[in-house]
Amino acid sequence: MEAFASQHTGKKPFEKYTNSDGQEDTLWPDHCVANTPGADLHKDIDFGAIPKDFYIFKKGTKKDYHPYSGFGDTKLQDFLERRGIHQVFITGLALDYCVKDTALDAVEAGFDTYVIEDACASIDPDINPTLREFNKAGISFIESFEIEQI
């Protein structure tokens, strides 16, 4: 994967590099590599407890394309629109990269977009720049207990 530091001689995780699109980006530790335990879903997830259909959309499946957004090359937007979905709730790692780009893409696609703070973690301890982007884009930053009120 182009965005892994291990693929760049002498580079370390979190250093900057120029990606194949000519943009400055961040190099990452190897993670979520196909056919390794790091790509497995947690063994304790009870999929039987999910009351409706459950779908998995994989991103980052192309060697030279590293989307941060869950909408990046996944057909997620079409899937949600075909089902009449109007709201999305986003959680995960990392708040200031993948979660942020997914939320920005969701609101740009016209979804009412919520990021659940207590179900995210950030790389940078200062999340204020990310929160400013959320605010500017109209993304709601909520705690999980607030979902029942929406």
N, C-alpha and C. Protein backbone atom coordinates (compact mmCIF):
# COMPACT_ATOMS: atom_id res chain seq x y z
N MET A 1 0.86 -1.17 0.00
CA MET A 1 0.00 0.00 0.00
C MET A 1 0.90 1.24 0.00
N GLU A 2 0.65 2.10 -0.94
CA GLU A 2 1.45 3.31 -1.12
C GLU A 2 1.58 4.14 0.17
N ALA A 3 0.53 4.17 0.97
CA ALA A 3 0.52 5.04 2.15
C ALA A 3 1.18 4.42 3.37
N PHE A 4 1.74 3.23 3.25
CA PHE A 4 2.42 2.60 4.38
C PHE A 4 3.89 3.02 4.37
N ALA A 5 4.37 3.44 5.53
CA ALA A 5 5.78 3.84 5.64
C ALA A 5 6.71 2.71 5.23
N SER A 6 6.31 1.47 5.47
CA SER A 6 7.16 0.33 5.14
C SER A 6 7.46 0.23 3.64
N GLN A 7 6.70 0.92 2.82
CA GLN A 7 6.90 0.89 1.37
C GLN A 7 7.81 2.01 0.86
N HIS A 8 8.34 2.81 1.79
CA HIS A 8 9.19 3.94 1.44
C HIS A 8 10.50 3.84 2.23
N THR A 9 11.58 3.58 1.54
CA THR A 9 12.88 3.40 2.18
C THR A 9 13.23 4.60 3.04
N GLY A 10 13.59 4.30 4.29
CA GLY A 10 14.04 5.34 5.21
C GLY A 10 12.94 6.19 5.81
N LYS A 11 11.68 5.90 5.50
CA LYS A 11 10.56 6.69 6.04
C LYS A 11 9.95 5.98 7.25
N LYS A 12 9.39 6.78 8.14
CA LYS A 12 8.75 6.26 9.34
C LYS A 12 7.27 6.64 9.35
N PRO A 13 6.46 5.86 10.08
CA PRO A 13 5.05 6.22 10.19
C PRO A 13 4.87 7.66 10.69
N PHE A 14 3.89 8.31 10.14
CA PHE A 14 3.46 9.67 10.45
C PHE A 14 4.32 10.75 9.80
N GLU A 15 5.35 10.34 9.04
CA GLU A 15 6.09 11.32 8.25
C GLU A 15 5.23 11.70 7.04
N LYS A 16 5.50 12.86 6.49
CA LYS A 16 4.79 13.31 5.29
C LYS A 16 5.49 12.77 4.05
N TYR A 17 4.70 12.61 2.98
CA TYR A 17 5.24 12.19 1.69
C TYR A 17 4.33 12.76 0.61
N THR A 18 4.75 12.67 -0.63
CA THR A 18 3.92 13.09 -1.75
C THR A 18 3.31 11.85 -2.37
N ASN A 19 1.96 11.80 -2.36
CA ASN A 19 1.28 10.60 -2.86
C ASN A 19 1.24 10.59 -4.39
N SER A 20 0.66 9.54 -4.95
CA SER A 20 0.64 9.36 -6.41
C SER A 20 -0.21 10.41 -7.12
N ASP A 21 -1.04 11.14 -6.37
CA ASP A 21 -1.81 12.25 -6.93
C ASP A 21 -1.06 13.57 -6.84
N GLY A 22 0.19 13.51 -6.32
CA GLY A 22 1.00 14.72 -6.19
C GLY A 22 0.65 15.57 -4.98
N GLN A 23 -0.12 15.02 -4.04
CA GLN A 23 -0.53 15.76 -2.85
C GLN A 23 0.27 15.30 -1.64
N GLU A 24 0.50 16.25 -0.72
CA GLU A 24 1.17 15.87 0.53
C GLU A 24 0.20 15.01 1.34
N ASP A 25 0.72 13.94 1.90
CA ASP A 25 -0.10 13.01 2.67
C ASP A 25 0.75 12.49 3.83
N THR A 26 0.16 11.63 4.63
CA THR A 26 0.81 11.06 5.80
C THR A 26 1.10 9.58 5.55
N LEU A 27 2.28 9.14 5.95
CA LEU A 27 2.62 7.72 5.91
C LEU A 27 2.13 7.06 7.19
N TRP A 28 1.62 5.85 7.06
CA TRP A 28 1.01 5.15 8.18
C TRP A 28 1.74 3.84 8.48
N PRO A 29 1.62 3.37 9.72
CA PRO A 29 2.08 2.01 10.01
C PRO A 29 1.22 1.05 9.18
N ASP A 30 1.75 -0.10 8.86
CA ASP A 30 0.94 -1.10 8.17
C ASP A 30 -0.26 -1.43 9.06
N HIS A 31 -1.45 -1.43 8.47
CA HIS A 31 -2.66 -1.74 9.24
C HIS A 31 -3.74 -2.25 8.30
N CYS A 32 -4.61 -3.08 8.82
CA CYS A 32 -5.75 -3.61 8.07
C CYS A 32 -5.32 -4.25 6.75
N VAL A 33 -4.24 -4.98 6.77
CA VAL A 33 -3.73 -5.63 5.57
C VAL A 33 -4.55 -6.89 5.30
N ALA A 34 -5.03 -7.02 4.07
CA ALA A 34 -5.86 -8.16 3.70
C ALA A 34 -5.19 -9.48 4.09
N ASN A 35 -6.01 -10.40 4.56
CA ASN A 35 -5.57 -11.75 4.94
C ASN A 35 -4.61 -11.77 6.12
N THR A 36 -4.71 -10.75 6.99
CA THR A 36 -3.95 -10.74 8.24
C THR A 36 -4.95 -10.51 9.38
N PRO A 37 -4.58 -10.87 10.60
CA PRO A 37 -5.50 -10.62 11.72
C PRO A 37 -5.89 -9.15 11.87
N GLY A 38 -5.03 -8.24 11.45
CA GLY A 38 -5.34 -6.82 11.55
C GLY A 38 -6.50 -6.37 10.68
N ALA A 39 -6.89 -7.19 9.73
CA ALA A 39 -8.02 -6.86 8.86
C ALA A 39 -9.29 -7.57 9.29
N ASP A 40 -9.20 -8.44 10.29
CA ASP A 40 -10.37 -9.19 10.74
C ASP A 40 -11.31 -8.31 11.55
N LEU A 41 -12.60 -8.60 11.45
CA LEU A 41 -13.55 -7.98 12.36
C LEU A 41 -13.39 -8.65 13.72
N HIS A 42 -13.68 -7.90 14.77
CA HIS A 42 -13.50 -8.43 16.12
C HIS A 42 -14.33 -9.71 16.31
N LYS A 43 -13.72 -10.71 16.91
CA LYS A 43 -14.35 -12.02 17.06
C LYS A 43 -15.59 -12.00 17.95
N ASP A 44 -15.72 -10.99 18.80
CA ASP A 44 -16.85 -10.94 19.72
C ASP A 44 -18.06 -10.18 19.17
N ILE A 45 -17.99 -9.69 17.94
CA ILE A 45 -19.16 -9.02 17.36
C ILE A 45 -20.23 -10.08 17.11
N ASP A 46 -21.41 -9.83 17.65
CA ASP A 46 -22.54 -10.75 17.47
C ASP A 46 -23.40 -10.24 16.32
N PHE A 47 -23.12 -10.70 15.12
CA PHE A 47 -23.87 -10.25 13.95
C PHE A 47 -25.33 -10.67 14.02
N GLY A 48 -25.62 -11.71 14.79
CA GLY A 48 -27.01 -12.14 14.97
C GLY A 48 -27.83 -11.14 15.76
N ALA A 49 -27.19 -10.27 16.50
CA ALA A 49 -27.90 -9.27 17.29
C ALA A 49 -28.32 -8.06 16.45
N ILE A 50 -27.85 -8.00 15.22
CA ILE A 50 -28.19 -6.88 14.34
C ILE A 50 -29.57 -7.17 13.76
N PRO A 51 -30.54 -6.28 14.03
CA PRO A 51 -31.93 -6.58 13.67
C PRO A 51 -32.24 -6.51 12.17
N LYS A 52 -31.39 -5.95 11.37
CA LYS A 52 -31.65 -5.84 9.94
C LYS A 52 -30.45 -6.36 9.16
N ASP A 53 -30.51 -6.17 7.85
CA ASP A 53 -29.39 -6.58 7.01
C ASP A 53 -28.12 -5.86 7.44
N PHE A 54 -27.01 -6.50 7.21
CA PHE A 54 -25.71 -5.95 7.60
C PHE A 54 -24.79 -6.03 6.39
N TYR A 55 -24.14 -4.93 6.06
CA TYR A 55 -23.27 -4.89 4.89
C TYR A 55 -21.90 -4.35 5.29
N ILE A 56 -20.89 -4.85 4.64
CA ILE A 56 -19.53 -4.39 4.87
C ILE A 56 -19.02 -3.79 3.57
N PHE A 57 -18.53 -2.55 3.66
CA PHE A 57 -17.92 -1.89 2.52
C PHE A 57 -16.44 -1.74 2.83
N LYS A 58 -15.60 -2.27 1.96
CA LYS A 58 -14.16 -2.21 2.18
C LYS A 58 -13.56 -1.07 1.38
N LYS A 59 -12.65 -0.34 2.02
CA LYS A 59 -11.93 0.72 1.32
C LYS A 59 -10.44 0.40 1.37
N GLY A 60 -9.69 1.10 0.56
CA GLY A 60 -8.24 0.86 0.55
C GLY A 60 -7.87 -0.48 -0.04
N THR A 61 -8.63 -0.94 -1.00
CA THR A 61 -8.37 -2.25 -1.59
C THR A 61 -7.46 -2.19 -2.81
N LYS A 62 -7.10 -0.98 -3.22
CA LYS A 62 -6.21 -0.81 -4.37
C LYS A 62 -4.84 -0.37 -3.89
N LYS A 63 -3.81 -0.97 -4.43
CA LYS A 63 -2.44 -0.72 -3.95
C LYS A 63 -2.03 0.75 -4.03
N ASP A 64 -2.42 1.43 -5.08
CA ASP A 64 -1.97 2.81 -5.28
C ASP A 64 -3.05 3.84 -5.02
N TYR A 65 -4.10 3.46 -4.30
CA TYR A 65 -5.17 4.41 -3.98
C TYR A 65 -5.52 4.26 -2.51
N HIS A 66 -5.31 5.32 -1.76
CA HIS A 66 -5.49 5.28 -0.31
C HIS A 66 -6.58 6.27 0.09
N PRO A 67 -7.85 5.88 -0.03
CA PRO A 67 -8.91 6.80 0.38
C PRO A 67 -9.03 6.85 1.90
N TYR A 68 -9.17 8.04 2.43
CA TYR A 68 -9.49 8.14 3.86
C TYR A 68 -10.99 7.94 4.06
N SER A 69 -11.78 8.38 3.11
CA SER A 69 -13.23 8.35 3.24
C SER A 69 -13.81 6.96 3.00
N GLY A 70 -14.81 6.61 3.79
CA GLY A 70 -15.56 5.39 3.56
C GLY A 70 -16.36 5.43 2.27
N PHE A 71 -16.49 6.62 1.69
CA PHE A 71 -17.17 6.75 0.40
C PHE A 71 -16.20 6.58 -0.76
N GLY A 72 -14.90 6.51 -0.47
CA GLY A 72 -13.87 6.44 -1.50
C GLY A 72 -13.85 5.11 -2.23
N ASP A 73 -14.36 5.08 -3.45
CA ASP A 73 -14.31 3.89 -4.31
C ASP A 73 -15.04 2.69 -3.70
N THR A 74 -16.16 2.94 -3.01
CA THR A 74 -16.88 1.84 -2.36
C THR A 74 -18.32 1.68 -2.81
N LYS A 75 -18.87 2.63 -3.51
CA LYS A 75 -20.29 2.63 -3.92
C LYS A 75 -21.23 2.76 -2.72
N LEU A 76 -20.70 3.22 -1.59
CA LEU A 76 -21.51 3.40 -0.39
C LEU A 76 -22.62 4.43 -0.62
N GLN A 77 -22.30 5.52 -1.27
CA GLN A 77 -23.31 6.55 -1.50
C GLN A 77 -24.50 6.00 -2.29
N ASP A 78 -24.24 5.29 -3.36
CA ASP A 78 -25.32 4.70 -4.16
C ASP A 78 -26.14 3.73 -3.32
N PHE A 79 -25.47 2.93 -2.54
CA PHE A 79 -26.14 1.95 -1.68
C PHE A 79 -27.11 2.65 -0.72
N LEU A 80 -26.65 3.70 -0.06
CA LEU A 80 -27.49 4.42 0.90
C LEU A 80 -28.65 5.12 0.21
N GLU A 81 -28.36 5.76 -0.91
CA GLU A 81 -29.42 6.48 -1.64
C GLU A 81 -30.50 5.52 -2.14
N ARG A 82 -30.12 4.35 -2.66
CA ARG A 82 -31.10 3.37 -3.15
C ARG A 82 -32.02 2.90 -2.03
N ARG A 83 -31.56 2.95 -0.82
CA ARG A 83 -32.36 2.49 0.32
C ARG A 83 -33.09 3.63 1.02
N GLY A 84 -33.00 4.84 0.47
CA GLY A 84 -33.71 5.98 1.05
C GLY A 84 -33.14 6.47 2.36
N ILE A 85 -31.87 6.21 2.59
CA ILE A 85 -31.22 6.66 3.83
C ILE A 85 -30.95 8.15 3.74
N HIS A 86 -31.27 8.88 4.81
CA HIS A 86 -31.06 10.33 4.84
C HIS A 86 -30.08 10.76 5.93
N GLN A 87 -29.87 9.89 6.92
CA GLN A 87 -28.98 10.19 8.03
C GLN A 87 -27.86 9.16 8.08
N VAL A 88 -26.65 9.63 8.39
CA VAL A 88 -25.55 8.71 8.63
C VAL A 88 -24.89 9.07 9.96
N PHE A 89 -24.49 8.03 10.69
CA PHE A 89 -23.80 8.17 11.96
C PHE A 89 -22.43 7.52 11.78
N ILE A 90 -21.39 8.28 12.02
CA ILE A 90 -20.04 7.84 11.70
C ILE A 90 -19.22 7.71 12.98
N THR A 91 -18.47 6.61 13.06
CA THR A 91 -17.59 6.34 14.19
C THR A 91 -16.27 5.79 13.66
N GLY A 92 -15.26 5.70 14.50
CA GLY A 92 -14.07 4.97 14.11
C GLY A 92 -12.76 5.68 14.34
N LEU A 93 -11.76 5.18 13.64
CA LEU A 93 -10.39 5.67 13.68
C LEU A 93 -10.05 6.17 12.28
N ALA A 94 -9.38 7.11 12.15
CA ALA A 94 -9.04 8.13 13.12
C ALA A 94 -9.93 9.35 12.86
N LEU A 95 -10.38 9.95 13.93
CA LEU A 95 -11.31 11.08 13.84
C LEU A 95 -10.80 12.14 12.87
N ASP A 96 -9.53 12.45 12.94
CA ASP A 96 -8.97 13.56 12.16
C ASP A 96 -8.52 13.16 10.76
N TYR A 97 -8.77 11.92 10.35
CA TYR A 97 -8.44 11.48 9.00
C TYR A 97 -9.63 10.76 8.38
N CYS A 98 -9.76 9.48 8.62
CA CYS A 98 -10.80 8.68 7.96
C CYS A 98 -12.22 9.10 8.36
N VAL A 99 -12.44 9.29 9.64
CA VAL A 99 -13.77 9.71 10.10
C VAL A 99 -14.09 11.08 9.51
N LYS A 100 -13.15 12.01 9.58
CA LYS A 100 -13.39 13.36 9.06
C LYS A 100 -13.72 13.33 7.58
N ASP A 101 -12.92 12.63 6.78
CA ASP A 101 -13.17 12.61 5.33
C ASP A 101 -14.49 11.90 5.00
N THR A 102 -14.81 10.86 5.74
CA THR A 102 -16.09 10.17 5.52
C THR A 102 -17.24 11.12 5.83
N ALA A 103 -17.16 11.84 6.93
CA ALA A 103 -18.21 12.78 7.31
C ALA A 103 -18.35 13.91 6.30
N LEU A 104 -17.23 14.45 5.85
CA LEU A 104 -17.28 15.53 4.85
C LEU A 104 -17.90 15.04 3.55
N ASP A 105 -17.55 13.84 3.12
CA ASP A 105 -18.14 13.28 1.91
C ASP A 105 -19.63 13.01 2.10
N ALA A 106 -20.02 12.55 3.28
CA ALA A 106 -21.43 12.26 3.55
C ALA A 106 -22.27 13.53 3.47
N VAL A 107 -21.81 14.58 4.10
CA VAL A 107 -22.60 15.82 4.08
C VAL A 107 -22.60 16.42 2.68
N GLU A 108 -21.51 16.30 1.95
CA GLU A 108 -21.46 16.78 0.57
C GLU A 108 -22.44 16.01 -0.31
N ALA A 109 -22.66 14.74 0.00
CA ALA A 109 -23.60 13.91 -0.75
C ALA A 109 -25.05 14.18 -0.35
N GLY A 110 -25.25 15.02 0.66
CA GLY A 110 -26.60 15.40 1.06
C GLY A 110 -27.17 14.67 2.25
N PHE A 111 -26.37 13.88 2.92
CA PHE A 111 -26.85 13.16 4.11
C PHE A 111 -26.77 14.05 5.34
N ASP A 112 -27.76 13.93 6.24
CA ASP A 112 -27.64 14.52 7.57
C ASP A 112 -26.57 13.70 8.27
N THR A 113 -25.50 14.36 8.68
CA THR A 113 -24.30 13.64 9.10
C THR A 113 -23.98 13.90 10.56
N TYR A 114 -23.78 12.81 11.30
CA TYR A 114 -23.46 12.86 12.72
C TYR A 114 -22.18 12.06 12.95
N VAL A 115 -21.26 12.64 13.68
CA VAL A 115 -20.06 11.93 14.12
C VAL A 115 -20.21 11.71 15.62
N ILE A 116 -20.03 10.47 16.04
CA ILE A 116 -20.25 10.10 17.45
C ILE A 116 -18.91 10.16 18.18
N GLU A 117 -18.76 11.20 18.97
CA GLU A 117 -17.48 11.51 19.63
C GLU A 117 -16.94 10.37 20.48
N ASP A 118 -17.78 9.77 21.31
CA ASP A 118 -17.28 8.74 22.23
C ASP A 118 -17.09 7.39 21.55
N ALA A 119 -17.23 7.34 20.24
CA ALA A 119 -16.95 6.12 19.48
C ALA A 119 -15.86 6.39 18.44
N CYS A 120 -15.05 7.41 18.71
CA CYS A 120 -13.96 7.78 17.81
C CYS A 120 -12.68 8.00 18.62
N ALA A 121 -11.58 7.93 17.93
CA ALA A 121 -10.29 8.30 18.52
C ALA A 121 -9.53 9.08 17.45
N SER A 122 -8.72 10.02 17.91
CA SER A 122 -8.00 10.90 17.00
C SER A 122 -6.50 10.61 17.07
N ILE A 123 -5.80 10.88 15.99
CA ILE A 123 -4.34 10.80 15.99
C ILE A 123 -3.78 12.00 16.74
N ASP A 124 -4.24 13.18 16.37
CA ASP A 124 -3.78 14.42 17.00
C ASP A 124 -4.64 14.69 18.24
N PRO A 125 -4.03 14.92 19.39
CA PRO A 125 -4.84 15.19 20.58
C PRO A 125 -5.65 16.47 20.47
N ASP A 126 -5.25 17.39 19.61
CA ASP A 126 -6.00 18.63 19.41
C ASP A 126 -7.01 18.41 18.29
N ILE A 127 -8.27 18.16 18.67
CA ILE A 127 -9.30 17.91 17.67
C ILE A 127 -10.00 19.18 17.21
N ASN A 128 -9.60 20.33 17.73
CA ASN A 128 -10.27 21.57 17.38
C ASN A 128 -10.28 21.88 15.88
N PRO A 129 -9.18 21.67 15.14
CA PRO A 129 -9.27 21.92 13.70
C PRO A 129 -10.31 21.03 13.00
N THR A 130 -10.42 19.79 13.43
CA THR A 130 -11.43 18.89 12.88
C THR A 130 -12.83 19.36 13.24
N LEU A 131 -13.02 19.78 14.48
CA LEU A 131 -14.33 20.27 14.90
C LEU A 131 -14.73 21.52 14.13
N ARG A 132 -13.78 22.39 13.83
CA ARG A 132 -14.08 23.58 13.02
C ARG A 132 -14.55 23.18 11.62
N GLU A 133 -13.90 22.17 11.04
CA GLU A 133 -14.33 21.69 9.72
C GLU A 133 -15.73 21.10 9.80
N PHE A 134 -16.02 20.34 10.85
CA PHE A 134 -17.35 19.78 11.02
C PHE A 134 -18.39 20.90 11.12
N ASN A 135 -18.09 21.88 11.94
CA ASN A 135 -19.02 22.99 12.14
C ASN A 135 -19.29 23.73 10.83
N LYS A 136 -18.24 24.02 10.10
CA LYS A 136 -18.36 24.74 8.82
C LYS A 136 -19.19 23.93 7.82
N ALA A 137 -19.06 22.61 7.84
CA ALA A 137 -19.76 21.75 6.88
C ALA A 137 -21.18 21.37 7.33
N GLY A 138 -21.53 21.68 8.58
CA GLY A 138 -22.85 21.32 9.08
C GLY A 138 -22.93 19.90 9.61
N ILE A 139 -21.81 19.37 10.03
CA ILE A 139 -21.75 18.02 10.61
C ILE A 139 -21.99 18.12 12.11
N SER A 140 -22.91 17.30 12.62
CA SER A 140 -23.19 17.29 14.06
C SER A 140 -22.20 16.37 14.76
N PHE A 141 -21.61 16.87 15.85
CA PHE A 141 -20.65 16.12 16.65
C PHE A 141 -21.34 15.81 17.96
N ILE A 142 -21.72 14.53 18.15
CA ILE A 142 -22.58 14.15 19.27
C ILE A 142 -21.96 13.05 20.11
N GLU A 143 -22.54 12.82 21.27
CA GLU A 143 -22.20 11.67 22.12
C GLU A 143 -23.22 10.57 21.81
N SER A 144 -22.86 9.34 22.06
CA SER A 144 -23.73 8.22 21.71
C SER A 144 -25.08 8.28 22.39
N PHE A 145 -25.15 8.80 23.61
CA PHE A 145 -26.44 8.85 24.31
C PHE A 145 -27.42 9.78 23.61
N GLU A 146 -26.93 10.67 22.75
CA GLU A 146 -27.82 11.62 22.07
C GLU A 146 -28.56 11.00 20.88
N ILE A 147 -28.16 9.83 20.44
CA ILE A 147 -28.79 9.21 19.26
C ILE A 147 -30.28 9.03 19.47
N GLU A 148 -30.69 8.63 20.67
CA GLU A 148 -32.11 8.41 20.94
C GLU A 148 -32.93 9.68 20.77
N GLN A 149 -32.28 10.85 20.89
CA GLN A 149 -32.99 12.12 20.79
C GLN A 149 -33.10 12.62 19.35
N ILE A 150 -32.45 11.95 18.44
CA ILE A 150 -32.44 12.42 17.05
C ILE A 150 -33.54 11.74 16.26
